[in-house]
C-alpha atoms as a PDB file:
ATOM      1  CA  MET A   1      -9.328  19.234  -0.405  1.00  0.00           C
ATOM      2  CA  LYS A   2     -10.510  17.691   2.821  1.00  0.00           C
ATOM      3  CA  LEU A   3      -8.800  14.774   4.576  1.00  0.00           C
ATOM      4  CA  ILE A   4     -10.842  12.680   6.989  1.00  0.00           C
ATOM      5  CA  GLY A   5      -9.022  10.501   9.485  1.00  0.00           C
ATOM      6  CA  SER A   6      -7.662   9.922  12.969  1.00  0.00           C
ATOM      7  CA  ILE A   7      -4.354  11.169  14.317  1.00  0.00           C
ATOM      8  CA  THR A   8      -3.294   7.708  15.496  1.00  0.00           C
ATOM      9  CA  SER A   9      -3.762   5.965  12.126  1.00  0.00           C
ATOM     10  CA  PRO A  10      -0.444   5.276  10.359  1.00  0.00           C
ATOM     11  CA  TYR A  11      -2.246   5.338   6.991  1.00  0.00           C
ATOM     12  CA  VAL A  12      -3.641   8.789   7.723  1.00  0.00           C
ATOM     13  CA  ARG A  13      -0.210   9.910   8.873  1.00  0.00           C
ATOM     14  CA  LYS A  14       1.349   8.742   5.619  1.00  0.00           C
ATOM     15  CA  THR A  15      -1.212  10.763   3.696  1.00  0.00           C
ATOM     16  CA  ARG A  16      -0.627  13.838   5.860  1.00  0.00           C
ATOM     17  CA  LEU A  17       3.113  13.522   5.307  1.00  0.00           C
ATOM     18  CA  VAL A  18       2.648  13.485   1.545  1.00  0.00           C
ATOM     19  CA  LEU A  19       0.377  16.521   1.751  1.00  0.00           C
ATOM     20  CA  ALA A  20       2.957  18.356   3.854  1.00  0.00           C
ATOM     21  CA  GLU A  21       5.957  17.402   1.727  1.00  0.00           C
ATOM     22  CA  LYS A  22       4.071  18.357  -1.451  1.00  0.00           C
ATOM     23  CA  LYS A  23       3.001  21.622   0.232  1.00  0.00           C
ATOM     24  CA  LEU A  24      -0.671  21.048  -0.579  1.00  0.00           C
ATOM     25  CA  ASP A  25      -3.391  22.921   1.290  1.00  0.00           C
ATOM     26  CA  TYR A  26      -6.165  20.880   2.862  1.00  0.00           C
ATOM     27  CA  GLU A  27      -8.621  20.741   5.728  1.00  0.00           C
ATOM     28  CA  PHE A  28      -8.066  17.957   8.254  1.00  0.00           C
ATOM     29  CA  VAL A  29     -11.266  16.544   9.771  1.00  0.00           C
ATOM     30  CA  GLN A  30     -10.611  14.219  12.690  1.00  0.00           C
ATOM     31  CA  ASP A  31     -12.918  11.219  12.820  1.00  0.00           C
ATOM     32  CA  VAL A  32     -12.220   7.875  14.528  1.00  0.00           C
ATOM     33  CA  PRO A  33     -13.927   5.003  12.654  1.00  0.00           C
ATOM     34  CA  TRP A  34     -14.291   2.997  15.876  1.00  0.00           C
ATOM     35  CA  ASN A  35     -16.401   5.656  17.596  1.00  0.00           C
ATOM     36  CA  ALA A  36     -20.178   5.200  17.714  1.00  0.00           C
ATOM     37  CA  ASP A  37     -20.766   8.647  16.189  1.00  0.00           C
ATOM     38  CA  THR A  38     -18.302   8.239  13.296  1.00  0.00           C
ATOM     39  CA  GLN A  39     -19.235   9.737   9.951  1.00  0.00           C
ATOM     40  CA  VAL A  40     -16.596   7.823   8.004  1.00  0.00           C
ATOM     41  CA  PRO A  41     -19.029   5.299   6.434  1.00  0.00           C
ATOM     42  CA  LEU A  42     -20.844   8.220   4.804  1.00  0.00           C
ATOM     43  CA  TRP A  43     -17.686   8.870   2.803  1.00  0.00           C
ATOM     44  CA  ASN A  44     -16.162   5.399   2.530  1.00  0.00           C
ATOM     45  CA  PRO A  45     -18.513   2.392   2.517  1.00  0.00           C
ATOM     46  CA  LEU A  46     -15.693   0.298   3.995  1.00  0.00           C
ATOM     47  CA  GLY A  47     -15.616   2.536   7.065  1.00  0.00           C
ATOM     48  CA  LYS A  48     -11.850   3.074   6.872  1.00  0.00           C
ATOM     49  CA  VAL A  49      -9.578   6.095   6.933  1.00  0.00           C
ATOM     50  CA  PRO A  50      -8.024   8.044   5.342  1.00  0.00           C
ATOM     51  CA  VAL A  51     -10.646   9.500   3.054  1.00  0.00           C
ATOM     52  CA  LEU A  52      -9.750  12.356   0.718  1.00  0.00           C
ATOM     53  CA  VAL A  53     -12.560  14.580  -0.513  1.00  0.00           C
ATOM     54  CA  VAL A  54     -11.294  16.336  -3.619  1.00  0.00           C
ATOM     55  CA  ASP A  55     -12.429  19.882  -4.346  1.00  0.00           C
ATOM     56  CA  ASP A  56     -15.082  18.682  -6.782  1.00  0.00           C
ATOM     57  CA  ASP A  57     -16.508  16.404  -4.047  1.00  0.00           C
ATOM     58  CA  TYR A  58     -14.971  13.338  -5.655  1.00  0.00           C
ATOM     59  CA  VAL A  59     -13.954  10.938  -2.872  1.00  0.00           C
ATOM     60  CA  LEU A  60     -10.809   8.805  -2.763  1.00  0.00           C
ATOM     61  CA  PHE A  61      -9.990   6.144  -0.197  1.00  0.00           C
ATOM     62  CA  ASP A  62      -7.166   3.734   0.605  1.00  0.00           C
ATOM     63  CA  SER A  63      -3.928   5.483   1.459  1.00  0.00           C
ATOM     64  CA  ARG A  64      -2.037   3.999  -1.494  1.00  0.00           C
ATOM     65  CA  VAL A  65      -4.578   5.402  -3.947  1.00  0.00           C
ATOM     66  CA  ILE A  66      -4.588   8.776  -2.215  1.00  0.00           C
ATOM     67  CA  THR A  67      -0.801   9.147  -1.989  1.00  0.00           C
ATOM     68  CA  GLU A  68      -0.372   8.308  -5.659  1.00  0.00           C
ATOM     69  CA  TYR A  69      -3.030  10.844  -6.596  1.00  0.00           C
ATOM     70  CA  LEU A  70      -1.440  13.542  -4.425  1.00  0.00           C
ATOM     71  CA  ASP A  71       1.991  12.951  -5.914  1.00  0.00           C
ATOM     72  CA  SER A  72       0.529  13.508  -9.379  1.00  0.00           C
ATOM     73  CA  VAL A  73      -1.218  16.780  -8.501  1.00  0.00           C
ATOM     74  CA  THR A  74       1.922  18.928  -8.556  1.00  0.00           C
ATOM     75  CA  PRO A  75       5.379  18.348 -10.057  1.00  0.00           C
ATOM     76  CA  ASN A  76       7.271  19.576  -6.981  1.00  0.00           C
ATOM     77  CA  ASN A  77       8.926  17.184  -4.533  1.00  0.00           C
ATOM     78  CA  LYS A  78       8.082  14.027  -6.473  1.00  0.00           C
ATOM     79  CA  LEU A  79       7.852  11.037  -4.152  1.00  0.00           C
ATOM     80  CA  ILE A  80       7.060   8.236  -6.617  1.00  0.00           C
ATOM     81  CA  PRO A  81       9.247   7.560  -9.675  1.00  0.00           C
ATOM     82  CA  PRO A  82       7.264   7.762 -12.922  1.00  0.00           C
ATOM     83  CA  SER A  83       8.002   4.283 -14.218  1.00  0.00           C
ATOM     84  CA  GLY A  84      10.257   1.244 -14.329  1.00  0.00           C
ATOM     85  CA  ARG A  85      12.052  -0.632 -11.579  1.00  0.00           C
ATOM     86  CA  ALA A  86      12.526   2.495  -9.472  1.00  0.00           C
ATOM     87  CA  ARG A  87       8.758   2.970  -9.268  1.00  0.00           C
ATOM     88  CA  MET A  88       8.209  -0.713  -8.567  1.00  0.00           C
ATOM     89  CA  PHE A  89      10.686  -0.695  -5.684  1.00  0.00           C
ATOM     90  CA  VAL A  90       9.093   2.361  -4.053  1.00  0.00           C
ATOM     91  CA  LYS A  91       5.618   0.834  -4.356  1.00  0.00           C
ATOM     92  CA  ARG A  92       6.913  -2.433  -2.923  1.00  0.00           C
ATOM     93  CA  TRP A  93       8.349  -0.609   0.072  1.00  0.00           C
ATOM     94  CA  GLU A  94       4.983   1.079   0.583  1.00  0.00           C
ATOM     95  CA  ALA A  95       3.144  -2.250   0.370  1.00  0.00           C
ATOM     96  CA  LEU A  96       5.522  -3.822   2.881  1.00  0.00           C
ATOM     97  CA  ALA A  97       5.217  -0.900   5.289  1.00  0.00           C
ATOM     98  CA  ASP A  98       1.441  -0.949   5.011  1.00  0.00           C
ATOM     99  CA  GLY A  99       1.470  -4.704   5.655  1.00  0.00           C
ATOM    100  CA  VAL A 100       3.461  -4.156   8.841  1.00  0.00           C
ATOM    101  CA  CYS A 101       0.876  -1.568   9.856  1.00  0.00           C
ATOM    102  CA  ASP A 102      -1.975  -3.983   9.078  1.00  0.00           C
ATOM    103  CA  ALA A 103      -0.490  -6.602  11.374  1.00  0.00           C
ATOM    104  CA  ALA A 104       0.380  -4.103  14.107  1.00  0.00           C
ATOM    105  CA  VAL A 105      -3.145  -2.678  14.073  1.00  0.00           C
ATOM    106  CA  ALA A 106      -4.624  -6.198  14.241  1.00  0.00           C
ATOM    107  CA  ALA A 107      -2.431  -7.086  17.236  1.00  0.00           C
ATOM    108  CA  PHE A 108      -3.244  -3.834  19.011  1.00  0.00           C
ATOM    109  CA  LEU A 109      -6.995  -4.252  18.524  1.00  0.00           C
ATOM    110  CA  GLU A 110      -6.864  -7.862  19.707  1.00  0.00           C
ATOM    111  CA  ASN A 111      -5.138  -6.738  22.895  1.00  0.00           C
ATOM    112  CA  ARG A 112      -7.949  -4.251  23.513  1.00  0.00           C
ATOM    113  CA  ARG A 113     -10.536  -7.018  23.715  1.00  0.00           C
ATOM    114  CA  ALA A 114     -11.681  -8.384  27.070  1.00  0.00           C
ATOM    115  CA  PRO A 115      -9.040 -10.824  28.399  1.00  0.00           C
ATOM    116  CA  ARG A 116     -11.327 -13.855  28.059  1.00  0.00           C
ATOM    117  CA  GLU A 117     -12.023 -12.960  24.401  1.00  0.00           C
ATOM    118  CA  ARG A 118      -8.401 -12.515  23.307  1.00  0.00           C
ATOM    119  CA  SER A 119      -6.530 -15.033  21.219  1.00  0.00           C
ATOM    120  CA  ALA A 120      -2.863 -15.292  22.154  1.00  0.00           C
ATOM    121  CA  ALA A 121      -2.223 -17.309  19.000  1.00  0.00           C
ATOM    122  CA  TRP A 122      -3.761 -14.613  16.808  1.00  0.00           C
ATOM    123  CA  THR A 123      -1.758 -11.865  18.500  1.00  0.00           C
ATOM    124  CA  GLU A 124       1.465 -13.839  18.131  1.00  0.00           C
ATOM    125  CA  ARG A 125       0.754 -14.459  14.464  1.00  0.00           C
ATOM    126  CA  GLN A 126       0.331 -10.729  13.862  1.00  0.00           C
ATOM    127  CA  THR A 127       3.402  -9.704  15.865  1.00  0.00           C
ATOM    128  CA  ASP A 128       5.432 -12.306  13.965  1.00  0.00           C
ATOM    129  CA  LYS A 129       4.379 -10.559  10.738  1.00  0.00           C
ATOM    130  CA  VAL A 130       5.500  -7.239  12.177  1.00  0.00           C
ATOM    131  CA  ARG A 131       8.898  -8.635  13.166  1.00  0.00           C
ATOM    132  CA  ARG A 132       9.448 -10.380   9.832  1.00  0.00           C
ATOM    133  CA  GLY A 133       8.412  -7.270   7.934  1.00  0.00           C
ATOM    134  CA  ILE A 134      10.817  -5.072   9.877  1.00  0.00           C
ATOM    135  CA  ASP A 135      13.632  -7.605   9.477  1.00  0.00           C
ATOM    136  CA  PHE A 136      13.036  -7.628   5.716  1.00  0.00           C
ATOM    137  CA  MET A 137      13.118  -3.835   5.623  1.00  0.00           C
ATOM    138  CA  GLU A 138      16.426  -3.803   7.463  1.00  0.00           C
ATOM    139  CA  GLN A 139      17.949  -6.361   5.106  1.00  0.00           C
ATOM    140  CA  ASP A 140      16.624  -4.586   1.997  1.00  0.00           C
ATOM    141  CA  ALA A 141      17.684  -1.088   3.009  1.00  0.00           C
ATOM    142  CA  GLY A 142      20.786   0.091   1.259  1.00  0.00           C
ATOM    143  CA  ASP A 143      23.767   1.930   2.656  1.00  0.00           C
ATOM    144  CA  GLN A 144      22.680   5.244   1.174  1.00  0.00           C
ATOM    145  CA  GLN A 145      20.870   8.093   2.879  1.00  0.00           C
ATOM    146  CA  TRP A 146      17.374   6.778   2.244  1.00  0.00           C
ATOM    147  CA  CYS A 147      15.647   3.466   1.572  1.00  0.00           C
ATOM    148  CA  ARG A 148      16.287   3.816  -2.147  1.00  0.00           C
ATOM    149  CA  GLY A 149      18.998   6.193  -3.270  1.00  0.00           C
ATOM    150  CA  THR A 150      19.950   9.690  -2.197  1.00  0.00           C
ATOM    151  CA  ALA A 151      16.495  11.316  -2.235  1.00  0.00           C
ATOM    152  CA  MET A 152      13.570  10.835   0.098  1.00  0.00           C
ATOM    153  CA  SER A 153      10.622   9.027  -1.483  1.00  0.00           C
ATOM    154  CA  LEU A 154       7.261   7.606  -0.530  1.00  0.00           C
ATOM    155  CA  ALA A 155       9.137   4.472   0.520  1.00  0.00           C
ATOM    156  CA  ASP A 156      10.775   6.377   3.373  1.00  0.00           C
ATOM    157  CA  LEU A 157       7.558   8.051   4.476  1.00  0.00           C
ATOM    158  CA  ALA A 158       5.693   4.730   4.520  1.00  0.00           C
ATOM    159  CA  VAL A 159       8.477   2.989   6.433  1.00  0.00           C
ATOM    160  CA  GLY A 160       8.683   5.857   8.917  1.00  0.00           C
ATOM    161  CA  CYS A 161       4.937   5.649   9.556  1.00  0.00           C
ATOM    162  CA  ALA A 162       5.114   1.891  10.100  1.00  0.00           C
ATOM    163  CA  LEU A 163       8.054   2.099  12.486  1.00  0.00           C
ATOM    164  CA  GLY A 164       6.500   5.015  14.351  1.00  0.00           C
ATOM    165  CA  TYR A 165       3.231   3.141  14.772  1.00  0.00           C
ATOM    166  CA  VAL A 166       4.987   0.016  16.063  1.00  0.00           C
ATOM    167  CA  ALA A 167       6.902   2.126  18.587  1.00  0.00           C
ATOM    168  CA  PHE A 168       3.626   3.805  19.596  1.00  0.00           C
ATOM    169  CA  ARG A 169       1.357   0.760  19.895  1.00  0.00           C
ATOM    170  CA  LEU A 170       3.710  -2.212  20.299  1.00  0.00           C
ATOM    171  CA  PRO A 171       6.755  -0.854  22.166  1.00  0.00           C
ATOM    172  CA  GLU A 172       7.708  -4.394  23.195  1.00  0.00           C
ATOM    173  CA  ILE A 173       8.913  -4.860  19.608  1.00  0.00           C
ATOM    174  CA  ALA A 174      12.114  -2.901  20.151  1.00  0.00           C
ATOM    175  CA  TRP A 175      13.081  -2.583  16.492  1.00  0.00           C
ATOM    176  CA  ARG A 176      15.740   0.085  17.113  1.00  0.00           C
ATOM    177  CA  GLU A 177      17.984  -2.424  18.882  1.00  0.00           C
ATOM    178  CA  ASN A 178      18.857  -4.478  15.795  1.00  0.00           C
ATOM    179  CA  CYS A 179      18.013  -2.264  12.817  1.00  0.00           C
ATOM    180  CA  PRO A 180      20.743   0.370  12.356  1.00  0.00           C
ATOM    181  CA  LYS A 181      19.785   1.073   8.739  1.00  0.00           C
ATOM    182  CA  LEU A 182      16.172   1.714   9.666  1.00  0.00           C
ATOM    183  CA  VAL A 183      17.238   3.815  12.644  1.00  0.00           C
ATOM    184  CA  ARG A 184      19.282   5.971  10.250  1.00  0.00           C
ATOM    185  CA  VAL A 185      16.284   6.564   7.978  1.00  0.00           C
ATOM    186  CA  TYR A 186      13.834   7.039  10.847  1.00  0.00           C
ATOM    187  CA  ASP A 187      16.046   9.541  12.677  1.00  0.00           C
ATOM    188  CA  LYS A 188      16.441  11.595   9.486  1.00  0.00           C
ATOM    189  CA  LEU A 189      12.667  11.651   9.091  1.00  0.00           C
ATOM    190  CA  ALA A 190      12.220  12.598  12.739  1.00  0.00           C
ATOM    191  CA  GLN A 191      14.057  15.867  12.078  1.00  0.00           C
ATOM    192  CA  ARG A 192      11.506  16.973   9.481  1.00  0.00           C
ATOM    193  CA  PRO A 193       8.687  19.302  10.629  1.00  0.00           C
ATOM    194  CA  SER A 194       6.127  17.181   8.749  1.00  0.00           C
ATOM    195  CA  PHE A 195       7.110  14.112  10.746  1.00  0.00           C
ATOM    196  CA  GLN A 196       7.111  15.942  14.055  1.00  0.00           C
ATOM    197  CA  GLU A 197       3.701  17.532  13.436  1.00  0.00           C
ATOM    198  CA  THR A 198       2.024  14.222  12.553  1.00  0.00           C
ATOM    199  CA  ALA A 199       3.387  12.094  15.398  1.00  0.00           C
ATOM    200  CA  PRO A 200       0.618   9.813  16.771  1.00  0.00           C
ATOM    201  CA  ARG A 201      -0.732  10.659  20.197  1.00  0.00           C
ATOM    202  CA  GLU A 202      -3.695   9.726  22.334  1.00  0.00           C
END
């Protein structure tokens, strides 16, 4: 398999975490969709990463599709429950974490525009989404070791990616100050080699 993406993308990081935790071999091809010479649109018509090229040259895109596929490839270290409410809760956590990432990316990109082209109202709207999403995560997290129960799941990986991206791109949103449950989960993830090896960097 071949994974195409950038090292700063939280969606790519989530996919890389699943690959690492499932112990799946793959080739990582770094490609930034914003660069003029990007090849991403050749693989994904939407021009977004991650893109997973399966061994038979079948292409998958959207991190939620890819992570579900990867979890089904091997039975070891299952990250998504097979059915029922447990599965629904994990997928909801992933959707929420991805939504926080969507808003954080939008705010970051807006702040990269020329000052006269930026919309303060748009940026505030996106950062409000980030804050509300993190607050909801904190309220919904249980008192157990992980987001849902005693075993790590895709919910934890997705939340860790979202929180890591916010700390990386929007450090003014100091989520650690008022989110002890999320800090507990994030700090446990931070001890894992997979999390350390995929940390975003410029």
